[in-house]
Amino acid sequence: MAPFTSDIYTAMPMKYAGDEYFVSLISRERGSHPLFSGILEIPSLDRVVAGRDNTRVTIGDLNLELSMGEYDTIDVTTQEMMLITSNKPISIMQYSKGTRIDGKGDPSMSRVVPNEQFVSEAFFPVYRFQSNMSTINTTYLEITTDCEYVNSVSLSRSGEDIQHIIGNDTLEEVTQAVLIVTDSPEKLTHMDVANIAIIIKNITDVKPSNPKITSILTTIVKNFADIDQTDLYEIESSTGAISVILTAFEDHLKVVALNDENVTSKYSPNVYVQISDVVPADLEVGLNLSMRQINFTHASSDPDQQFPLEIDIPQSVFDNLEEPTKENEVRVALTMFRTSSLYASSNHKEINENRHGLNRSVNSLIAGLTIGGKKLTNLEDDIVFSFKPIRAGYQNPTCAFWDIALPDWSTSGSRHITSSGDRSSGLKYNTSEPIVCSCDHLTNFAVLMT
């Protein structure tokens, strides 16, 4: 209980009073986004309230004598930290003066925490508020520390400690919060993306099976795919965050619950996911995944939104699965990206910069495949992929996979084959001609063209 005795003071229990305080100017962010704004130092008034008779308060060279319930007001104008001590418990409330007085900020009040009540860990809620009058979607946090003993402060929302607040009861809420943050990806710094990647990994580490989480994560990945590829290349080079996000997303697809037909599809612009559980009897002659019209937007009839893809998985691939998996349904997870922005290649960047007029790039869907929750390698028989170019007028197709260890495109174990005879070098493809590739392992595949 914290009773309000007026509009300018809150009556606090005596147990929250103390006899030693650090006080400084109120620091407030300015700008619409805390990551892109400066610090506004606001002069303030500090009201010192005595909780006992014969209370002596020392503020630098100033000495006060207060009886119980009496208070004195101090005008704080210096940026230096100020120490306030007393022989008996006191409470200190800090007020910003407001725009009418000094032209800086709105009037506000906060309680100064006594030094003896400093803690090493604290939990606090963060809310988004919206009404017809205003919207509040940013929470500001001011932290005071004793620098002699503390040299770093971490926020669990932005680091690996987020794990201890992520559970089955908070998963959807936390994932929704990440979605809100990534709705404006252009405002995110490299470190923001790195921190979000950690949170996404911690979400998927809980192994959530709720399909709602899958839908939200699909949209989050799509939001990152909307970032300019040059920026994504720099983010990946400096933090490795994009690889973390993609790996966590793939890991989640291994555990998501499916519908009664043992299949589910999730789609958003640029990202499409199809997951199915296949019974062993259907694998005796291998498995064909034939998607004549992959719609990245719901019920789209626009041919530009439809991309055919066909994958032939030989029966021998399933022999690589462990025996317990073979006795049950086999999870087949397919992810498709219409954009290559999340797979920014340093090799392509260097080639295109050094050779004027050349544009070496991905010109197909990027198809990622896992079987039985595994990225299988050294397969006895190759998996065959049939793509069609996204853009016409390109040539010299090369079948490749994304090697996350580099991270970059690699042709190791991949071959370019054709379904309509060999084409001479330099002949340009249109968007209706299939390009057939084979590979001896499972990963993310695509066709590179010039």
Protein backbone atom coordinates (compact mmCIF):
# COMPACT_ATOMS: atom_id res chain seq x y z
CA MET A 1 0.00 0.00 0.00
CA ALA A 2 1.29 3.49 -0.88
CA PRO A 3 -1.37 6.09 0.07
CA PHE A 4 -1.35 9.38 -1.81
CA THR A 5 -1.66 12.28 0.64
CA SER A 6 -1.75 14.90 -2.11
CA ASP A 7 -0.97 15.34 -5.77
CA ILE A 8 2.70 16.06 -5.00
CA TYR A 9 3.68 13.51 -2.37
CA THR A 10 3.21 9.83 -1.67
CA ALA A 11 3.19 8.63 1.95
CA MET A 12 5.81 5.85 2.12
CA PRO A 13 6.18 3.31 4.94
CA MET A 14 9.08 4.07 7.30
CA LYS A 15 10.85 0.84 6.33
CA TYR A 16 11.61 2.50 2.98
CA ALA A 17 13.35 5.45 4.66
CA GLY A 18 17.12 5.57 5.15
CA ASP A 19 19.97 7.67 6.43
CA GLU A 20 22.25 7.90 3.38
CA TYR A 21 21.37 8.88 -0.19
CA PHE A 22 23.06 9.68 -3.48
CA VAL A 23 21.22 12.39 -5.44
CA SER A 24 21.89 13.86 -8.89
CA LEU A 25 20.04 15.59 -11.70
CA ILE A 26 17.15 13.70 -13.24
CA SER A 27 18.30 12.13 -16.51
CA ARG A 28 15.68 11.79 -19.19
CA GLU A 29 15.88 10.52 -22.75
CA ARG A 30 14.69 12.82 -25.49
CA GLY A 31 13.50 11.69 -28.91
CA SER A 32 10.98 9.14 -30.10
CA HIS A 33 13.28 6.16 -29.62
CA PRO A 34 15.71 5.76 -26.70
CA LEU A 35 18.33 4.17 -28.94
CA PHE A 36 18.50 7.24 -31.17
CA SER A 37 18.29 10.11 -28.70
CA GLY A 38 20.39 12.15 -26.34
CA ILE A 39 20.28 12.51 -22.57
CA LEU A 40 18.46 15.51 -21.15
CA GLU A 41 19.72 16.51 -17.70
CA ILE A 42 16.80 18.11 -15.83
CA PRO A 43 17.33 20.35 -12.78
CA SER A 44 15.17 19.13 -9.92
CA LEU A 45 13.84 19.84 -6.46
CA ASP A 46 14.57 17.29 -3.74
CA ARG A 47 12.20 17.24 -0.77
CA VAL A 48 13.76 15.77 2.39
CA VAL A 49 11.13 14.54 4.88
CA ALA A 50 12.00 13.59 8.48
CA GLY A 51 10.45 10.52 10.05
CA ARG A 52 11.57 11.24 13.63
CA ASP A 53 12.07 14.24 15.89
CA ASN A 54 15.56 15.73 16.27
CA THR A 55 16.65 14.62 12.83
CA ARG A 56 19.93 16.17 11.64
CA VAL A 57 20.51 16.15 7.88
CA THR A 58 23.84 16.92 6.22
CA ILE A 59 24.01 17.96 2.56
CA GLY A 60 27.58 18.97 1.77
CA ASP A 61 28.17 22.14 3.80
CA LEU A 62 24.46 22.51 4.57
CA ASN A 63 23.06 21.20 7.90
CA LEU A 64 19.33 20.91 8.62
CA GLU A 65 17.40 20.28 11.84
CA LEU A 66 13.97 18.69 11.25
CA SER A 67 11.19 17.36 13.48
CA MET A 68 8.99 14.40 12.54
CA GLY A 69 6.88 15.23 9.49
CA GLU A 70 8.82 18.39 8.66
CA TYR A 71 10.54 18.75 5.30
CA ASP A 72 12.95 21.00 3.48
CA THR A 73 13.35 21.47 -0.26
CA ILE A 74 16.74 21.51 -2.00
CA ASP A 75 17.31 22.93 -5.48
CA VAL A 76 19.57 20.48 -7.33
CA THR A 77 21.40 22.13 -10.25
CA THR A 78 24.80 20.43 -10.36
CA GLN A 79 25.60 17.37 -12.46
CA GLU A 80 27.84 16.01 -9.70
CA MET A 81 26.51 13.24 -7.46
CA MET A 82 25.45 14.69 -4.09
CA LEU A 83 25.59 12.76 -0.80
CA ILE A 84 22.83 13.33 1.77
CA THR A 85 23.17 11.77 5.24
CA SER A 86 21.14 11.92 8.45
CA ASN A 87 21.26 10.61 12.03
CA LYS A 88 17.68 9.26 11.75
CA PRO A 89 15.59 7.84 8.88
CA ILE A 90 14.52 10.31 6.22
CA SER A 91 12.65 9.98 2.95
CA ILE A 92 13.62 11.92 -0.18
CA MET A 93 11.30 12.64 -3.09
CA GLN A 94 12.71 14.12 -6.31
CA TYR A 95 10.66 16.43 -8.56
CA SER A 96 11.41 17.80 -11.99
CA LYS A 97 10.43 21.46 -12.21
CA GLY A 98 8.61 21.20 -15.51
CA THR A 99 8.57 23.26 -18.70
CA ARG A 100 7.02 26.37 -17.15
CA ILE A 101 9.96 26.70 -14.74
CA ASP A 102 13.04 25.72 -16.73
CA GLY A 103 11.77 24.72 -20.18
CA LYS A 104 12.77 21.08 -19.76
CA GLY A 105 10.35 18.18 -19.40
CA ASP A 106 7.05 17.62 -17.66
CA PRO A 107 6.57 17.76 -13.90
CA SER A 108 7.16 14.38 -12.31
CA MET A 109 8.00 12.78 -8.99
CA SER A 110 10.15 9.82 -8.02
CA ARG A 111 11.38 8.39 -4.74
CA VAL A 112 15.13 8.35 -4.13
CA VAL A 113 16.25 4.97 -2.83
CA PRO A 114 18.55 5.03 0.23
CA ASN A 115 22.00 3.53 -0.32
CA GLU A 116 21.46 0.78 2.25
CA GLN A 117 18.51 -0.49 0.19
CA PHE A 118 20.48 -0.89 -3.04
CA VAL A 119 20.04 -4.36 -4.53
CA SER A 120 21.97 -6.54 -6.94
CA GLU A 121 18.85 -7.78 -8.77
CA ALA A 122 15.44 -6.24 -9.38
CA PHE A 123 12.32 -7.16 -11.35
CA PHE A 124 10.01 -4.55 -12.85
CA PRO A 125 7.07 -4.69 -15.28
CA VAL A 126 7.08 -2.94 -18.64
CA TYR A 127 3.69 -2.02 -20.07
CA ARG A 128 2.43 -0.58 -23.32
CA PHE A 129 -0.41 1.91 -22.78
CA GLN A 130 -2.74 3.23 -25.43
CA SER A 131 -5.83 5.40 -25.21
CA ASN A 132 -7.66 7.92 -27.36
CA MET A 133 -5.46 10.64 -25.90
CA SER A 134 -1.96 9.15 -25.96
CA THR A 135 0.25 6.12 -26.47
CA ILE A 136 3.09 5.09 -24.18
CA ASN A 137 5.28 2.34 -25.58
CA THR A 138 8.68 3.18 -24.08
CA THR A 139 9.81 2.67 -20.50
CA TYR A 140 12.83 4.59 -19.20
CA LEU A 141 14.98 3.18 -16.44
CA GLU A 142 17.42 5.18 -14.33
CA ILE A 143 20.03 3.22 -12.38
CA THR A 144 22.29 4.60 -9.64
CA THR A 145 25.27 2.50 -8.53
CA ASP A 146 28.20 2.76 -6.19
CA CYS A 147 30.97 2.87 -8.79
CA GLU A 148 33.60 1.72 -6.30
CA TYR A 149 32.00 -1.73 -6.24
CA VAL A 150 29.94 -1.99 -9.43
CA ASN A 151 31.55 -1.83 -12.87
CA SER A 152 28.78 -3.29 -15.04
CA VAL A 153 25.00 -3.48 -15.16
CA SER A 154 23.00 -5.87 -17.36
CA LEU A 155 19.31 -5.96 -18.22
CA SER A 156 17.91 -9.47 -18.50
CA ARG A 157 15.51 -8.37 -21.24
CA SER A 158 18.54 -7.72 -23.43
CA GLY A 159 20.76 -10.63 -22.49
CA GLU A 160 21.00 -14.31 -21.78
CA ASP A 161 19.46 -13.91 -18.30
CA ILE A 162 16.09 -13.61 -20.07
CA GLN A 163 15.95 -17.41 -19.83
CA HIS A 164 14.85 -17.38 -16.20
CA ILE A 165 11.66 -15.40 -17.01
CA ILE A 166 10.74 -17.43 -20.11
CA GLY A 167 8.45 -20.35 -19.37
CA ASN A 168 5.38 -21.92 -20.86
CA ASP A 169 3.20 -19.29 -19.17
CA THR A 170 5.15 -16.32 -20.57
CA LEU A 171 6.28 -17.62 -23.97
CA GLU A 172 3.58 -16.04 -26.08
CA GLU A 173 3.83 -12.72 -24.23
CA VAL A 174 7.61 -12.55 -24.64
CA THR A 175 7.44 -13.58 -28.30
CA GLN A 176 4.78 -10.93 -28.96
CA ALA A 177 7.04 -8.35 -27.32
CA VAL A 178 9.88 -9.32 -29.70
CA LEU A 179 7.45 -9.01 -32.62
CA ILE A 180 6.54 -5.47 -31.55
CA VAL A 181 10.21 -4.49 -31.30
CA THR A 182 10.99 -5.87 -34.76
CA ASP A 183 7.99 -4.23 -36.44
CA SER A 184 10.31 -1.28 -37.18
CA PRO A 185 13.54 -3.10 -38.05
CA GLU A 186 15.13 0.02 -39.54
CA LYS A 187 15.35 1.48 -36.01
CA LEU A 188 17.37 -1.44 -34.63
CA THR A 189 21.10 -1.14 -34.02
CA HIS A 190 23.51 -4.03 -34.54
CA MET A 191 23.54 -4.66 -30.80
CA ASP A 192 19.73 -4.58 -30.70
CA VAL A 193 19.62 -7.38 -33.26
CA ALA A 194 22.26 -9.35 -31.34
CA ASN A 195 20.23 -9.06 -28.14
CA ILE A 196 17.00 -10.02 -29.92
CA ALA A 197 18.78 -13.06 -31.37
CA ILE A 198 19.63 -14.21 -27.83
CA ILE A 199 16.01 -13.79 -26.75
CA ILE A 200 14.74 -15.76 -29.76
CA LYS A 201 17.21 -18.55 -29.02
CA ASN A 202 16.07 -18.63 -25.40
CA ILE A 203 12.45 -18.80 -26.54
CA THR A 204 13.13 -21.78 -28.80
CA ASP A 205 15.29 -23.44 -26.13
CA VAL A 206 12.11 -23.89 -24.08
CA LYS A 207 10.85 -26.01 -27.03
CA PRO A 208 7.41 -24.42 -27.37
CA SER A 209 4.93 -26.53 -29.34
CA ASN A 210 2.24 -23.85 -29.65
CA PRO A 211 1.59 -23.10 -33.36
CA LYS A 212 0.89 -19.48 -32.37
CA ILE A 213 4.57 -19.15 -31.47
CA THR A 214 5.44 -20.51 -34.93
CA SER A 215 3.28 -17.87 -36.61
CA ILE A 216 4.82 -15.07 -34.55
CA LEU A 217 8.38 -16.31 -35.14
CA THR A 218 7.70 -16.57 -38.87
CA THR A 219 6.66 -12.91 -38.92
CA ILE A 220 9.71 -11.93 -36.82
CA VAL A 221 12.02 -13.66 -39.32
CA LYS A 222 10.14 -11.89 -42.13
CA ASN A 223 10.75 -8.55 -40.36
CA PHE A 224 14.48 -9.21 -40.32
CA ALA A 225 14.32 -10.25 -43.99
CA ASP A 226 12.96 -6.76 -44.74
CA ILE A 227 16.21 -5.14 -43.57
CA ASP A 228 18.55 -4.00 -46.34
CA GLN A 229 20.99 -6.78 -47.25
CA THR A 230 24.01 -4.50 -46.80
CA ASP A 231 22.93 -3.79 -43.21
CA LEU A 232 22.28 -7.49 -42.59
CA TYR A 233 25.75 -8.33 -43.89
CA GLU A 234 27.29 -5.87 -41.43
CA ILE A 235 25.15 -7.19 -38.59
CA GLU A 236 26.15 -10.79 -39.31
CA SER A 237 29.82 -9.86 -39.71
CA SER A 238 29.96 -8.01 -36.40
CA THR A 239 27.61 -10.10 -34.22
CA GLY A 240 26.69 -13.40 -35.92
CA ALA A 241 23.10 -12.66 -34.88
CA ILE A 242 21.42 -13.63 -38.16
CA SER A 243 22.86 -17.15 -38.02
CA VAL A 244 21.60 -17.47 -34.43
CA ILE A 245 18.09 -16.38 -35.46
CA LEU A 246 17.89 -18.73 -38.44
CA THR A 247 19.21 -21.70 -36.45
CA ALA A 248 16.78 -21.05 -33.58
CA PHE A 249 13.90 -20.80 -36.05
CA GLU A 250 14.80 -24.14 -37.64
CA ASP A 251 15.13 -25.76 -34.21
CA HIS A 252 11.64 -24.60 -33.31
CA LEU A 253 10.12 -26.30 -36.37
CA LYS A 254 11.26 -29.66 -35.00
CA VAL A 255 8.88 -29.47 -32.01
CA VAL A 256 5.82 -27.46 -33.09
CA ALA A 257 2.51 -29.30 -32.76
CA LEU A 258 0.68 -30.04 -36.02
CA ASN A 259 -3.01 -30.18 -36.85
CA ASP A 260 -5.13 -33.32 -37.14
CA GLU A 261 -3.81 -33.92 -40.66
CA ASN A 262 -0.22 -33.94 -39.38
CA VAL A 263 0.70 -30.94 -41.49
CA THR A 264 0.83 -27.19 -40.99
CA SER A 265 1.84 -24.21 -43.10
CA LYS A 266 2.85 -20.73 -41.99
CA TYR A 267 3.44 -17.90 -44.40
CA SER A 268 4.28 -14.24 -44.49
CA PRO A 269 5.75 -12.05 -47.22
CA ASN A 270 9.15 -13.54 -48.13
CA VAL A 271 8.94 -16.49 -45.69
CA TYR A 272 6.99 -19.74 -46.05
CA VAL A 273 7.04 -22.78 -43.74
CA GLN A 274 5.57 -26.23 -44.27
CA ILE A 275 5.88 -28.94 -41.62
CA SER A 276 4.56 -32.48 -41.85
CA ASP A 277 4.84 -35.73 -39.93
CA VAL A 278 5.17 -38.66 -42.34
CA VAL A 279 4.35 -42.26 -41.39
CA PRO A 280 7.10 -44.83 -42.17
CA ALA A 281 4.87 -46.68 -44.69
CA ASP A 282 4.88 -43.59 -46.92
CA LEU A 283 8.68 -43.56 -47.04
CA GLU A 284 9.30 -46.99 -48.56
CA VAL A 285 9.84 -45.52 -52.02
CA GLY A 286 11.15 -42.17 -50.89
CA LEU A 287 9.26 -38.89 -50.62
CA ASN A 288 8.31 -36.29 -53.20
CA LEU A 289 7.51 -32.76 -52.06
CA SER A 290 5.79 -31.11 -54.99
CA MET A 291 4.52 -27.58 -54.47
CA ARG A 292 3.17 -26.19 -57.68
CA GLN A 293 2.06 -22.87 -56.22
CA ILE A 294 3.81 -21.62 -53.11
CA ASN A 295 1.83 -18.57 -51.98
CA PHE A 296 3.72 -16.11 -49.80
CA THR A 297 0.51 -14.15 -49.34
CA HIS A 298 -2.77 -15.77 -48.34
CA ALA A 299 -4.91 -17.08 -51.23
CA SER A 300 -2.88 -15.11 -53.75
CA SER A 301 -3.86 -15.49 -57.41
CA ASP A 302 -1.02 -13.24 -58.57
CA PRO A 303 1.46 -15.33 -60.57
CA ASP A 304 4.28 -13.14 -59.20
CA GLN A 305 3.38 -14.42 -55.72
CA GLN A 306 3.49 -18.10 -56.75
CA PHE A 307 6.70 -20.11 -57.02
CA PRO A 308 6.89 -23.81 -57.92
CA LEU A 309 9.35 -26.07 -56.13
CA GLU A 310 9.83 -29.83 -56.30
CA ILE A 311 12.03 -31.96 -54.05
CA ASP A 312 12.70 -35.68 -54.48
CA ILE A 313 14.01 -37.41 -51.35
CA PRO A 314 15.28 -40.98 -52.01
CA GLN A 315 14.34 -43.78 -49.64
CA SER A 316 17.98 -44.25 -48.59
CA VAL A 317 17.92 -40.84 -46.89
CA PHE A 318 15.57 -42.21 -44.23
CA ASP A 319 18.01 -45.05 -43.53
CA ASN A 320 20.26 -42.42 -41.94
CA LEU A 321 17.72 -41.80 -39.21
CA GLU A 322 18.19 -43.39 -35.84
CA GLU A 323 16.15 -46.54 -35.18
CA PRO A 324 13.74 -45.01 -32.61
CA THR A 325 12.79 -42.30 -35.11
CA LYS A 326 12.08 -44.81 -37.85
CA GLU A 327 9.48 -46.53 -35.68
CA ASN A 328 7.44 -43.33 -35.44
CA GLU A 329 6.32 -40.52 -37.69
CA VAL A 330 9.17 -38.61 -39.29
CA ARG A 331 9.15 -34.81 -39.06
CA VAL A 332 9.84 -33.16 -42.43
CA ALA A 333 10.29 -29.38 -42.12
CA LEU A 334 10.64 -27.17 -45.17
CA THR A 335 11.38 -23.44 -45.02
CA MET A 336 11.41 -21.20 -48.08
CA PHE A 337 12.63 -17.65 -48.48
CA ARG A 338 11.70 -15.51 -51.46
CA THR A 339 14.48 -13.05 -50.60
CA SER A 340 18.17 -13.77 -50.02
CA SER A 341 18.66 -10.82 -47.66
CA LEU A 342 19.17 -13.06 -44.62
CA TYR A 343 21.86 -14.95 -46.53
CA ALA A 344 24.18 -12.05 -47.33
CA SER A 345 27.26 -13.36 -49.13
CA SER A 346 30.65 -11.74 -48.64
CA ASN A 347 31.90 -13.54 -51.77
CA HIS A 348 29.12 -12.07 -53.91
CA LYS A 349 29.71 -8.66 -52.39
CA GLU A 350 33.40 -8.79 -53.29
CA ILE A 351 32.78 -10.16 -56.82
CA ASN A 352 30.13 -7.57 -57.64
CA GLU A 353 32.24 -4.70 -56.31
CA ASN A 354 35.39 -5.73 -58.23
CA ARG A 355 33.71 -6.54 -61.55
CA HIS A 356 31.77 -3.59 -62.86
CA GLY A 357 28.35 -4.49 -64.24
CA LEU A 358 28.34 -8.00 -62.78
CA ASN A 359 25.53 -9.07 -60.46
CA ARG A 360 26.17 -12.49 -58.98
CA SER A 361 23.25 -13.30 -56.69
CA VAL A 362 20.63 -15.81 -55.61
CA ASN A 363 17.95 -16.18 -58.30
CA SER A 364 15.65 -18.81 -56.85
CA LEU A 365 13.78 -19.60 -53.70
CA ILE A 366 16.02 -20.57 -50.80
CA ALA A 367 14.78 -23.95 -49.57
CA GLY A 368 15.79 -25.31 -46.18
CA LEU A 369 15.08 -28.95 -45.36
CA THR A 370 15.37 -31.01 -42.19
CA ILE A 371 14.25 -34.63 -41.81
CA GLY A 372 13.72 -36.20 -38.42
CA GLY A 373 14.95 -32.96 -36.86
CA LYS A 374 18.39 -33.41 -38.43
CA LYS A 375 20.62 -31.86 -41.05
CA LEU A 376 21.83 -35.13 -42.59
CA THR A 377 25.23 -35.30 -44.34
CA ASN A 378 27.13 -37.67 -46.64
CA LEU A 379 23.97 -39.19 -48.08
CA GLU A 380 24.26 -42.36 -50.17
CA ASP A 381 21.84 -40.94 -52.76
CA ASP A 382 21.44 -37.24 -53.52
CA ILE A 383 18.35 -35.21 -52.84
CA VAL A 384 17.10 -33.53 -56.03
CA PHE A 385 15.68 -29.99 -56.10
CA SER A 386 13.90 -28.44 -59.06
CA PHE A 387 13.79 -24.63 -58.97
CA LYS A 388 12.60 -21.97 -61.38
CA PRO A 389 14.35 -18.60 -61.63
CA ILE A 390 12.68 -15.69 -59.84
CA ARG A 391 14.03 -13.11 -62.31
CA ALA A 392 14.42 -13.60 -66.05
CA GLY A 393 17.53 -12.73 -68.04
CA TYR A 394 20.10 -14.35 -65.75
CA GLN A 395 22.59 -17.02 -66.79
CA ASN A 396 25.30 -19.42 -65.58
CA PRO A 397 23.34 -21.21 -62.85
CA THR A 398 25.27 -22.73 -59.96
CA CYS A 399 23.69 -25.00 -57.37
CA ALA A 400 24.81 -24.11 -53.85
CA PHE A 401 24.00 -24.48 -50.17
CA TRP A 402 24.41 -22.08 -47.26
CA ASP A 403 27.38 -23.17 -45.16
CA ILE A 404 26.63 -21.70 -41.74
CA ALA A 405 30.23 -22.32 -40.65
CA LEU A 406 31.55 -19.75 -43.16
CA PRO A 407 28.82 -18.27 -43.29
CA ASP A 408 28.46 -18.10 -47.08
CA TRP A 409 27.32 -20.03 -50.13
CA SER A 410 29.26 -23.19 -50.97
CA THR A 411 29.04 -25.67 -53.84
CA SER A 412 30.58 -28.60 -51.95
CA GLY A 413 28.48 -31.74 -52.46
CA SER A 414 26.08 -29.91 -54.83
CA ARG A 415 25.68 -30.49 -58.57
CA HIS A 416 23.80 -28.74 -61.34
CA ILE A 417 21.82 -31.14 -63.53
CA THR A 418 19.14 -30.35 -66.10
CA SER A 419 15.76 -31.76 -67.06
CA SER A 420 15.84 -30.60 -70.69
CA GLY A 421 19.39 -31.15 -71.85
CA ASP A 422 22.54 -29.11 -71.37
CA ARG A 423 22.46 -25.39 -72.10
CA SER A 424 25.41 -23.60 -73.61
CA SER A 425 27.25 -21.14 -71.43
CA GLY A 426 25.89 -17.62 -71.73
CA LEU A 427 22.34 -18.59 -72.64
CA LYS A 428 19.89 -16.64 -70.48
CA TYR A 429 17.02 -18.29 -68.62
CA ASN A 430 13.41 -17.21 -68.36
CA THR A 431 11.24 -17.75 -65.28
CA SER A 432 9.47 -20.84 -66.67
CA GLU A 433 12.54 -23.01 -67.26
CA PRO A 434 13.43 -25.44 -64.44
CA ILE A 435 16.91 -25.61 -62.97
CA VAL A 436 17.55 -28.98 -61.34
CA CYS A 437 20.11 -29.45 -58.56
CA SER A 438 21.22 -32.37 -56.43
CA CYS A 439 23.03 -32.43 -53.11
CA ASP A 440 24.39 -35.09 -50.76
CA HIS A 441 23.34 -33.38 -47.52
CA LEU A 442 20.51 -31.40 -45.95
CA THR A 443 20.78 -27.67 -45.47
CA ASN A 444 19.52 -24.49 -47.19
CA PHE A 445 19.72 -24.68 -51.00
CA ALA A 446 19.47 -22.13 -53.79
CA VAL A 447 20.54 -21.38 -57.35
CA LEU A 448 23.17 -18.68 -57.87
CA MET A 449 23.15 -16.86 -61.20
CA THR A 450 24.81 -13.96 -62.95
